[in-house]
Amino acid sequence: MTISKATLTTARDSGVLVNKLASKISCISYQSMRRSSRVLREFVLYYFPIYNLSMNVFFRFYPVLGFIEALVYQTDDEVENNQSEGYEKLQHYPWYSKQEMNLAVLEEHNLKHCKVESYMQKLGEYFELETQLLASYHVNHGMIKKAAKLRYYDCSLVKG
């Protein structure tokens, strides 16, 4: 099944489309998967010994964990491309369509949780703030502090 990038990135208002197709369409790149592997590796090395979890547990949840983290990096790539093309061209923030896709996949597998939704919302705020910071001539300490706090939600999303 092939869906255009334009359809996916403008599907924010069309949750039905996203919900029906989220787990059936190609929406992440190899590059995003490769970049996300670093976070997943650290996640496994840190949390699995603490909770005495086996690698079997990781592979049981890998499709969902890998999908979510790769979409974070895919969004990061899209945001950086938008930033390099000029801030005035940024019509939407790519994370919101990705967030809906993530939530649809989690719901499909009965893994949706309000804590994860909250982390996703905070990550969206981070992507918006990052773009605003790079476009602004007047950056203050409070903006930097808020960005640092929101960036935490990238890793928290996987463990959430």
N, C-alpha and C. Protein backbone atom coordinates (compact mmCIF):
# COMPACT_ATOMS: atom_id res chain seq x y z
N MET A 1 0.85 -1.17 0.00
CA MET A 1 0.00 0.00 0.00
C MET A 1 0.89 1.23 0.00
N THR A 2 0.62 2.17 -0.88
CA THR A 2 1.41 3.38 -0.97
C THR A 2 0.51 4.59 -0.70
N ILE A 3 0.94 5.42 0.22
CA ILE A 3 0.24 6.64 0.56
C ILE A 3 1.24 7.77 0.40
N SER A 4 0.83 8.86 -0.19
CA SER A 4 1.76 9.96 -0.41
C SER A 4 2.15 10.62 0.90
N LYS A 5 3.35 11.21 0.91
CA LYS A 5 3.83 11.93 2.08
C LYS A 5 2.88 13.08 2.40
N ALA A 6 2.37 13.74 1.37
CA ALA A 6 1.45 14.87 1.58
C ALA A 6 0.20 14.41 2.32
N THR A 7 -0.31 13.23 1.98
CA THR A 7 -1.49 12.71 2.65
C THR A 7 -1.20 12.46 4.12
N LEU A 8 -0.04 11.88 4.40
CA LEU A 8 0.32 11.58 5.79
C LEU A 8 0.55 12.83 6.61
N THR A 9 1.23 13.80 6.03
CA THR A 9 1.57 14.98 6.83
C THR A 9 0.40 15.94 6.98
N THR A 10 -0.61 15.81 6.14
CA THR A 10 -1.79 16.68 6.30
C THR A 10 -2.95 15.92 6.92
N ALA A 11 -2.73 14.68 7.33
CA ALA A 11 -3.80 13.85 7.86
C ALA A 11 -4.15 14.17 9.30
N ARG A 12 -3.59 15.20 9.87
CA ARG A 12 -3.85 15.57 11.26
C ARG A 12 -5.33 15.71 11.52
N ASP A 13 -6.06 16.29 10.60
CA ASP A 13 -7.49 16.48 10.78
C ASP A 13 -8.28 15.25 10.34
N SER A 14 -7.61 14.29 9.78
CA SER A 14 -8.29 13.10 9.30
C SER A 14 -7.80 11.89 10.08
N GLY A 15 -8.12 11.86 11.35
CA GLY A 15 -7.68 10.78 12.22
C GLY A 15 -8.13 9.41 11.77
N VAL A 16 -9.26 9.34 11.07
CA VAL A 16 -9.76 8.06 10.59
C VAL A 16 -8.76 7.43 9.64
N LEU A 17 -8.23 8.22 8.70
CA LEU A 17 -7.24 7.71 7.75
C LEU A 17 -6.01 7.20 8.49
N VAL A 18 -5.50 7.99 9.39
CA VAL A 18 -4.31 7.62 10.14
C VAL A 18 -4.56 6.37 10.97
N ASN A 19 -5.67 6.32 11.67
CA ASN A 19 -5.96 5.17 12.53
C ASN A 19 -6.07 3.87 11.74
N LYS A 20 -6.67 3.91 10.57
CA LYS A 20 -6.85 2.70 9.78
C LYS A 20 -5.56 2.21 9.14
N LEU A 21 -4.65 3.12 8.84
CA LEU A 21 -3.48 2.76 8.07
C LEU A 21 -2.17 2.75 8.85
N ALA A 22 -2.17 3.21 10.07
CA ALA A 22 -0.93 3.43 10.81
C ALA A 22 -0.01 2.22 10.86
N SER A 23 -0.55 1.05 11.06
CA SER A 23 0.32 -0.12 11.18
C SER A 23 0.52 -0.86 9.86
N LYS A 24 -0.02 -0.30 8.77
CA LYS A 24 0.04 -1.00 7.50
C LYS A 24 0.82 -0.28 6.41
N ILE A 25 1.31 0.91 6.68
CA ILE A 25 1.99 1.68 5.65
C ILE A 25 3.46 1.90 5.98
N SER A 26 4.24 2.13 4.97
CA SER A 26 5.65 2.47 5.17
C SER A 26 5.74 3.94 5.50
N CYS A 27 6.32 4.25 6.65
CA CYS A 27 6.36 5.65 7.06
C CYS A 27 7.66 6.04 7.75
N ILE A 28 8.62 5.11 7.82
CA ILE A 28 9.90 5.43 8.44
C ILE A 28 11.02 4.99 7.52
N SER A 29 12.12 5.68 7.61
CA SER A 29 13.27 5.38 6.76
C SER A 29 14.26 4.48 7.50
N TYR A 30 15.13 3.89 6.72
CA TYR A 30 16.22 3.10 7.30
C TYR A 30 17.06 4.00 8.22
N GLN A 31 17.33 5.21 7.76
CA GLN A 31 18.13 6.16 8.55
C GLN A 31 17.50 6.39 9.93
N SER A 32 16.19 6.54 9.97
CA SER A 32 15.50 6.74 11.26
C SER A 32 15.58 5.50 12.14
N MET A 33 15.46 4.34 11.52
CA MET A 33 15.60 3.10 12.28
C MET A 33 17.01 2.98 12.85
N ARG A 34 18.00 3.29 12.03
CA ARG A 34 19.39 3.21 12.47
C ARG A 34 19.65 4.17 13.62
N ARG A 35 19.18 5.40 13.49
CA ARG A 35 19.39 6.39 14.55
C ARG A 35 18.67 6.00 15.83
N SER A 36 17.50 5.41 15.71
CA SER A 36 16.73 5.05 16.90
C SER A 36 17.34 3.86 17.64
N SER A 37 18.14 3.07 16.96
CA SER A 37 18.72 1.89 17.61
C SER A 37 19.61 2.27 18.79
N ARG A 38 20.24 3.44 18.73
CA ARG A 38 21.09 3.90 19.84
C ARG A 38 20.27 4.07 21.11
N VAL A 39 19.10 4.69 20.99
CA VAL A 39 18.24 4.90 22.16
C VAL A 39 17.71 3.57 22.67
N LEU A 40 17.29 2.71 21.76
CA LEU A 40 16.78 1.41 22.19
C LEU A 40 17.86 0.57 22.86
N ARG A 41 19.08 0.66 22.35
CA ARG A 41 20.20 -0.07 22.96
C ARG A 41 20.43 0.41 24.39
N GLU A 42 20.48 1.72 24.58
CA GLU A 42 20.68 2.28 25.92
C GLU A 42 19.52 1.90 26.85
N PHE A 43 18.33 1.91 26.31
CA PHE A 43 17.13 1.54 27.07
C PHE A 43 17.27 0.10 27.59
N VAL A 44 17.64 -0.82 26.69
CA VAL A 44 17.80 -2.22 27.07
C VAL A 44 18.94 -2.40 28.07
N LEU A 45 20.08 -1.78 27.81
CA LEU A 45 21.23 -1.95 28.70
C LEU A 45 20.99 -1.38 30.09
N TYR A 46 20.20 -0.33 30.18
CA TYR A 46 19.96 0.30 31.48
C TYR A 46 18.80 -0.35 32.24
N TYR A 47 17.63 -0.46 31.58
CA TYR A 47 16.42 -0.88 32.29
C TYR A 47 16.25 -2.39 32.43
N PHE A 48 16.71 -3.16 31.49
CA PHE A 48 16.47 -4.59 31.57
C PHE A 48 17.13 -5.24 32.78
N PRO A 49 18.38 -4.92 33.10
CA PRO A 49 18.95 -5.51 34.32
C PRO A 49 18.23 -5.05 35.60
N ILE A 50 17.80 -3.80 35.63
CA ILE A 50 17.11 -3.30 36.82
C ILE A 50 15.84 -4.09 37.08
N TYR A 51 15.09 -4.37 36.01
CA TYR A 51 13.81 -5.07 36.15
C TYR A 51 13.90 -6.56 35.86
N ASN A 52 15.14 -7.04 35.71
CA ASN A 52 15.38 -8.46 35.46
C ASN A 52 14.58 -8.98 34.25
N LEU A 53 14.65 -8.25 33.16
CA LEU A 53 13.94 -8.62 31.94
C LEU A 53 14.88 -9.30 30.96
N SER A 54 14.36 -10.24 30.23
CA SER A 54 15.17 -10.97 29.25
C SER A 54 15.06 -10.31 27.88
N MET A 55 15.93 -10.72 26.98
CA MET A 55 15.88 -10.21 25.61
C MET A 55 14.60 -10.67 24.92
N ASN A 56 14.01 -11.76 25.38
CA ASN A 56 12.73 -12.19 24.81
C ASN A 56 11.66 -11.13 25.01
N VAL A 57 11.69 -10.46 26.14
CA VAL A 57 10.73 -9.38 26.41
C VAL A 57 10.96 -8.24 25.42
N PHE A 58 12.22 -7.90 25.20
CA PHE A 58 12.53 -6.84 24.25
C PHE A 58 11.97 -7.17 22.87
N PHE A 59 12.23 -8.37 22.39
CA PHE A 59 11.77 -8.72 21.05
C PHE A 59 10.25 -8.86 20.97
N ARG A 60 9.63 -9.13 22.08
CA ARG A 60 8.16 -9.16 22.10
C ARG A 60 7.59 -7.77 21.83
N PHE A 61 8.25 -6.74 22.37
CA PHE A 61 7.76 -5.38 22.22
C PHE A 61 8.54 -4.56 21.20
N TYR A 62 9.59 -5.15 20.62
CA TYR A 62 10.42 -4.40 19.68
C TYR A 62 9.64 -3.73 18.54
N PRO A 63 8.70 -4.40 17.90
CA PRO A 63 8.01 -3.72 16.79
C PRO A 63 7.39 -2.37 17.20
N VAL A 64 6.76 -2.34 18.35
CA VAL A 64 6.13 -1.09 18.80
C VAL A 64 7.19 -0.10 19.26
N LEU A 65 8.16 -0.55 20.07
CA LEU A 65 9.22 0.34 20.55
C LEU A 65 10.03 0.90 19.39
N GLY A 66 10.40 0.05 18.46
CA GLY A 66 11.18 0.49 17.31
C GLY A 66 10.41 1.45 16.43
N PHE A 67 9.14 1.17 16.22
CA PHE A 67 8.29 2.04 15.41
C PHE A 67 8.18 3.43 16.03
N ILE A 68 7.90 3.48 17.30
CA ILE A 68 7.74 4.77 17.98
C ILE A 68 9.04 5.57 17.94
N GLU A 69 10.12 4.95 18.33
CA GLU A 69 11.39 5.68 18.39
C GLU A 69 11.85 6.10 16.99
N ALA A 70 11.64 5.25 15.99
CA ALA A 70 12.02 5.61 14.62
C ALA A 70 11.17 6.78 14.11
N LEU A 71 9.90 6.83 14.49
CA LEU A 71 9.07 7.97 14.09
C LEU A 71 9.55 9.27 14.74
N VAL A 72 10.09 9.16 15.94
CA VAL A 72 10.66 10.35 16.59
C VAL A 72 11.82 10.87 15.74
N TYR A 73 12.71 9.98 15.33
CA TYR A 73 13.85 10.40 14.52
C TYR A 73 13.43 10.83 13.11
N GLN A 74 12.40 10.18 12.57
CA GLN A 74 11.88 10.60 11.27
C GLN A 74 11.36 12.03 11.36
N THR A 75 10.66 12.33 12.43
CA THR A 75 10.15 13.68 12.65
C THR A 75 11.30 14.66 12.80
N ASP A 76 12.32 14.25 13.55
CA ASP A 76 13.49 15.10 13.74
C ASP A 76 14.12 15.45 12.39
N ASP A 77 14.23 14.45 11.51
CA ASP A 77 14.77 14.71 10.17
C ASP A 77 13.90 15.69 9.40
N GLU A 78 12.58 15.50 9.47
CA GLU A 78 11.66 16.39 8.75
C GLU A 78 11.72 17.81 9.30
N VAL A 79 11.78 17.93 10.61
CA VAL A 79 11.87 19.26 11.23
C VAL A 79 13.16 19.94 10.80
N GLU A 80 14.27 19.20 10.83
CA GLU A 80 15.55 19.79 10.42
C GLU A 80 15.53 20.19 8.94
N ASN A 81 14.91 19.39 8.10
CA ASN A 81 14.78 19.76 6.68
C ASN A 81 13.94 21.02 6.52
N ASN A 82 12.84 21.10 7.26
CA ASN A 82 12.01 22.31 7.22
C ASN A 82 12.79 23.53 7.69
N GLN A 83 13.59 23.34 8.73
CA GLN A 83 14.38 24.45 9.27
C GLN A 83 15.41 24.91 8.24
N SER A 84 16.02 23.98 7.54
CA SER A 84 17.05 24.36 6.56
C SER A 84 16.46 25.02 5.33
N GLU A 85 15.19 24.73 5.04
CA GLU A 85 14.52 25.33 3.88
C GLU A 85 13.98 26.71 4.20
N GLY A 86 13.91 27.06 5.43
CA GLY A 86 13.41 28.38 5.83
C GLY A 86 12.22 28.24 6.75
N TYR A 87 12.26 28.97 7.82
CA TYR A 87 11.23 28.85 8.85
C TYR A 87 9.88 29.35 8.39
N GLU A 88 9.88 30.32 7.48
CA GLU A 88 8.61 30.87 7.02
C GLU A 88 7.82 29.85 6.20
N LYS A 89 8.47 28.81 5.70
CA LYS A 89 7.79 27.79 4.91
C LYS A 89 7.13 26.72 5.80
N LEU A 90 7.41 26.73 7.08
CA LEU A 90 6.88 25.72 7.98
C LEU A 90 5.39 25.96 8.20
N GLN A 91 4.57 25.15 7.56
CA GLN A 91 3.12 25.30 7.64
C GLN A 91 2.53 24.45 8.78
N HIS A 92 3.20 23.36 9.10
CA HIS A 92 2.72 22.47 10.14
C HIS A 92 3.94 21.83 10.80
N TYR A 93 3.71 21.26 11.93
CA TYR A 93 4.78 20.55 12.62
C TYR A 93 4.58 19.06 12.38
N PRO A 94 5.56 18.40 11.78
CA PRO A 94 5.39 16.99 11.38
C PRO A 94 5.07 16.04 12.53
N TRP A 95 5.41 16.40 13.75
CA TRP A 95 5.21 15.47 14.85
C TRP A 95 3.75 15.12 15.07
N TYR A 96 2.83 16.05 14.85
CA TYR A 96 1.44 15.77 15.21
C TYR A 96 0.84 14.64 14.39
N SER A 97 1.17 14.54 13.11
CA SER A 97 0.68 13.39 12.33
C SER A 97 1.36 12.12 12.80
N LYS A 98 2.64 12.21 13.16
CA LYS A 98 3.37 11.04 13.68
C LYS A 98 2.81 10.61 15.04
N GLN A 99 2.47 11.58 15.85
CA GLN A 99 1.91 11.28 17.16
C GLN A 99 0.61 10.50 17.00
N GLU A 100 -0.23 10.92 16.08
CA GLU A 100 -1.48 10.20 15.86
C GLU A 100 -1.23 8.79 15.35
N MET A 101 -0.22 8.63 14.50
CA MET A 101 0.12 7.30 14.02
C MET A 101 0.60 6.42 15.17
N ASN A 102 1.46 6.96 16.03
CA ASN A 102 1.94 6.22 17.20
C ASN A 102 0.78 5.79 18.09
N LEU A 103 -0.10 6.72 18.38
CA LEU A 103 -1.22 6.41 19.26
C LEU A 103 -2.14 5.37 18.65
N ALA A 104 -2.32 5.42 17.33
CA ALA A 104 -3.17 4.43 16.66
C ALA A 104 -2.55 3.04 16.77
N VAL A 105 -1.24 2.95 16.59
CA VAL A 105 -0.57 1.64 16.70
C VAL A 105 -0.64 1.14 18.14
N LEU A 106 -0.41 2.01 19.10
CA LEU A 106 -0.51 1.60 20.51
C LEU A 106 -1.91 1.13 20.85
N GLU A 107 -2.91 1.84 20.36
CA GLU A 107 -4.29 1.45 20.62
C GLU A 107 -4.61 0.10 19.97
N GLU A 108 -4.12 -0.09 18.76
CA GLU A 108 -4.35 -1.35 18.06
C GLU A 108 -3.80 -2.54 18.84
N HIS A 109 -2.73 -2.33 19.59
CA HIS A 109 -2.10 -3.41 20.35
C HIS A 109 -2.42 -3.33 21.85
N ASN A 110 -3.43 -2.57 22.20
CA ASN A 110 -3.86 -2.39 23.60
C ASN A 110 -2.72 -1.92 24.50
N LEU A 111 -1.89 -1.02 23.98
CA LEU A 111 -0.77 -0.49 24.75
C LEU A 111 -0.89 1.02 25.00
N LYS A 112 -1.98 1.60 24.57
CA LYS A 112 -2.15 3.05 24.73
C LYS A 112 -2.33 3.38 26.21
N HIS A 113 -1.62 4.43 26.65
CA HIS A 113 -1.67 4.84 28.05
C HIS A 113 -1.57 6.36 28.12
N CYS A 114 -2.25 6.96 29.07
CA CYS A 114 -2.26 8.42 29.18
C CYS A 114 -0.87 9.00 29.42
N LYS A 115 0.00 8.26 30.10
CA LYS A 115 1.36 8.73 30.36
C LYS A 115 2.13 8.85 29.04
N VAL A 116 1.98 7.86 28.17
CA VAL A 116 2.65 7.89 26.88
C VAL A 116 2.09 9.03 26.03
N GLU A 117 0.79 9.23 26.07
CA GLU A 117 0.17 10.34 25.33
C GLU A 117 0.74 11.68 25.82
N SER A 118 0.91 11.81 27.12
CA SER A 118 1.48 13.03 27.69
C SER A 118 2.91 13.24 27.21
N TYR A 119 3.72 12.17 27.20
CA TYR A 119 5.09 12.27 26.73
C TYR A 119 5.13 12.69 25.26
N MET A 120 4.22 12.15 24.47
CA MET A 120 4.17 12.50 23.06
C MET A 120 3.81 13.97 22.87
N GLN A 121 2.89 14.45 23.67
CA GLN A 121 2.50 15.85 23.60
C GLN A 121 3.68 16.75 23.94
N LYS A 122 4.41 16.39 24.98
CA LYS A 122 5.59 17.18 25.38
C LYS A 122 6.66 17.15 24.29
N LEU A 123 6.84 16.02 23.64
CA LEU A 123 7.80 15.93 22.56
C LEU A 123 7.40 16.83 21.40
N GLY A 124 6.10 16.91 21.12
CA GLY A 124 5.60 17.84 20.10
C GLY A 124 5.91 19.28 20.47
N GLU A 125 5.74 19.60 21.74
CA GLU A 125 6.08 20.95 22.21
C GLU A 125 7.57 21.22 22.00
N TYR A 126 8.39 20.20 22.22
CA TYR A 126 9.83 20.37 22.02
C TYR A 126 10.14 20.69 20.56
N PHE A 127 9.57 19.92 19.64
CA PHE A 127 9.84 20.16 18.22
C PHE A 127 9.43 21.57 17.81
N GLU A 128 8.29 22.04 18.32
CA GLU A 128 7.84 23.41 18.02
C GLU A 128 8.81 24.43 18.60
N LEU A 129 9.18 24.24 19.85
CA LEU A 129 10.07 25.19 20.52
C LEU A 129 11.45 25.21 19.86
N GLU A 130 11.96 24.05 19.47
CA GLU A 130 13.25 23.99 18.80
C GLU A 130 13.24 24.86 17.54
N THR A 131 12.18 24.74 16.76
CA THR A 131 12.06 25.54 15.53
C THR A 131 11.96 27.03 15.87
N GLN A 132 11.19 27.36 16.88
CA GLN A 132 11.06 28.76 17.29
C GLN A 132 12.40 29.32 17.77
N LEU A 133 13.15 28.52 18.52
CA LEU A 133 14.45 28.97 19.02
C LEU A 133 15.41 29.25 17.86
N LEU A 134 15.43 28.37 16.90
CA LEU A 134 16.34 28.55 15.77
C LEU A 134 15.94 29.72 14.88
N ALA A 135 14.65 30.05 14.87
CA ALA A 135 14.17 31.15 14.03
C ALA A 135 14.25 32.50 14.74
N SER A 136 14.40 32.48 16.05
CA SER A 136 14.33 33.70 16.84
C SER A 136 15.69 34.39 16.98
N TYR A 137 15.63 35.69 16.99
CA TYR A 137 16.84 36.48 17.26
C TYR A 137 16.98 36.76 18.75
N HIS A 138 15.91 36.54 19.49
CA HIS A 138 15.90 36.83 20.92
C HIS A 138 15.61 35.55 21.70
N VAL A 139 16.65 34.87 22.11
CA VAL A 139 16.52 33.64 22.88
C VAL A 139 16.92 33.96 24.31
N ASN A 140 16.09 33.52 25.25
CA ASN A 140 16.43 33.77 26.65
C ASN A 140 16.66 32.46 27.39
N HIS A 141 17.16 32.59 28.60
CA HIS A 141 17.49 31.43 29.42
C HIS A 141 16.28 30.53 29.65
N GLY A 142 15.12 31.12 29.87
CA GLY A 142 13.90 30.35 30.11
C GLY A 142 13.53 29.46 28.93
N MET A 143 13.74 29.97 27.71
CA MET A 143 13.44 29.18 26.52
C MET A 143 14.37 27.98 26.42
N ILE A 144 15.65 28.21 26.69
CA ILE A 144 16.64 27.13 26.63
C ILE A 144 16.34 26.08 27.70
N LYS A 145 16.00 26.54 28.89
CA LYS A 145 15.70 25.64 29.99
C LYS A 145 14.47 24.78 29.67
N LYS A 146 13.45 25.41 29.09
CA LYS A 146 12.24 24.68 28.72
C LYS A 146 12.54 23.65 27.64
N ALA A 147 13.36 24.01 26.65
CA ALA A 147 13.73 23.08 25.58
C ALA A 147 14.48 21.87 26.16
N ALA A 148 15.39 22.12 27.08
CA ALA A 148 16.14 21.02 27.69
C ALA A 148 15.21 20.09 28.46
N LYS A 149 14.25 20.66 29.16
CA LYS A 149 13.29 19.86 29.92
C LYS A 149 12.41 19.04 28.98
N LEU A 150 11.94 19.64 27.89
CA LEU A 150 11.07 18.93 26.96
C LEU A 150 11.82 17.86 26.18
N ARG A 151 13.09 18.05 25.91
CA ARG A 151 13.87 17.06 25.15
C ARG A 151 13.95 15.73 25.87
N TYR A 152 13.84 15.75 27.17
CA TYR A 152 13.84 14.55 27.99
C TYR A 152 12.76 13.56 27.55
N TYR A 153 11.68 14.05 26.98
CA TYR A 153 10.54 13.19 26.65
C TYR A 153 10.82 12.26 25.48
N ASP A 154 11.90 12.50 24.74
CA ASP A 154 12.28 11.58 23.67
C ASP A 154 12.58 10.21 24.26
N CYS A 155 13.47 10.15 25.23
CA CYS A 155 13.83 8.86 25.86
C CYS A 155 12.71 8.37 26.75
N SER A 156 11.99 9.26 27.38
CA SER A 156 10.91 8.87 28.28
C SER A 156 9.78 8.19 27.52
N LEU A 157 9.63 8.53 26.28
CA LEU A 157 8.57 7.95 25.47
C LEU A 157 8.73 6.44 25.38
N VAL A 158 9.93 5.97 25.20
CA VAL A 158 10.18 4.52 25.07
C VAL A 158 9.97 3.81 26.41
N LYS A 159 10.42 4.43 27.50
CA LYS A 159 10.27 3.73 28.78
C LYS A 159 8.89 3.93 29.39
N GLY A 160 8.14 4.94 28.91
CA GLY A 160 6.81 5.23 29.43
C GLY A 160 5.89 4.08 29.26
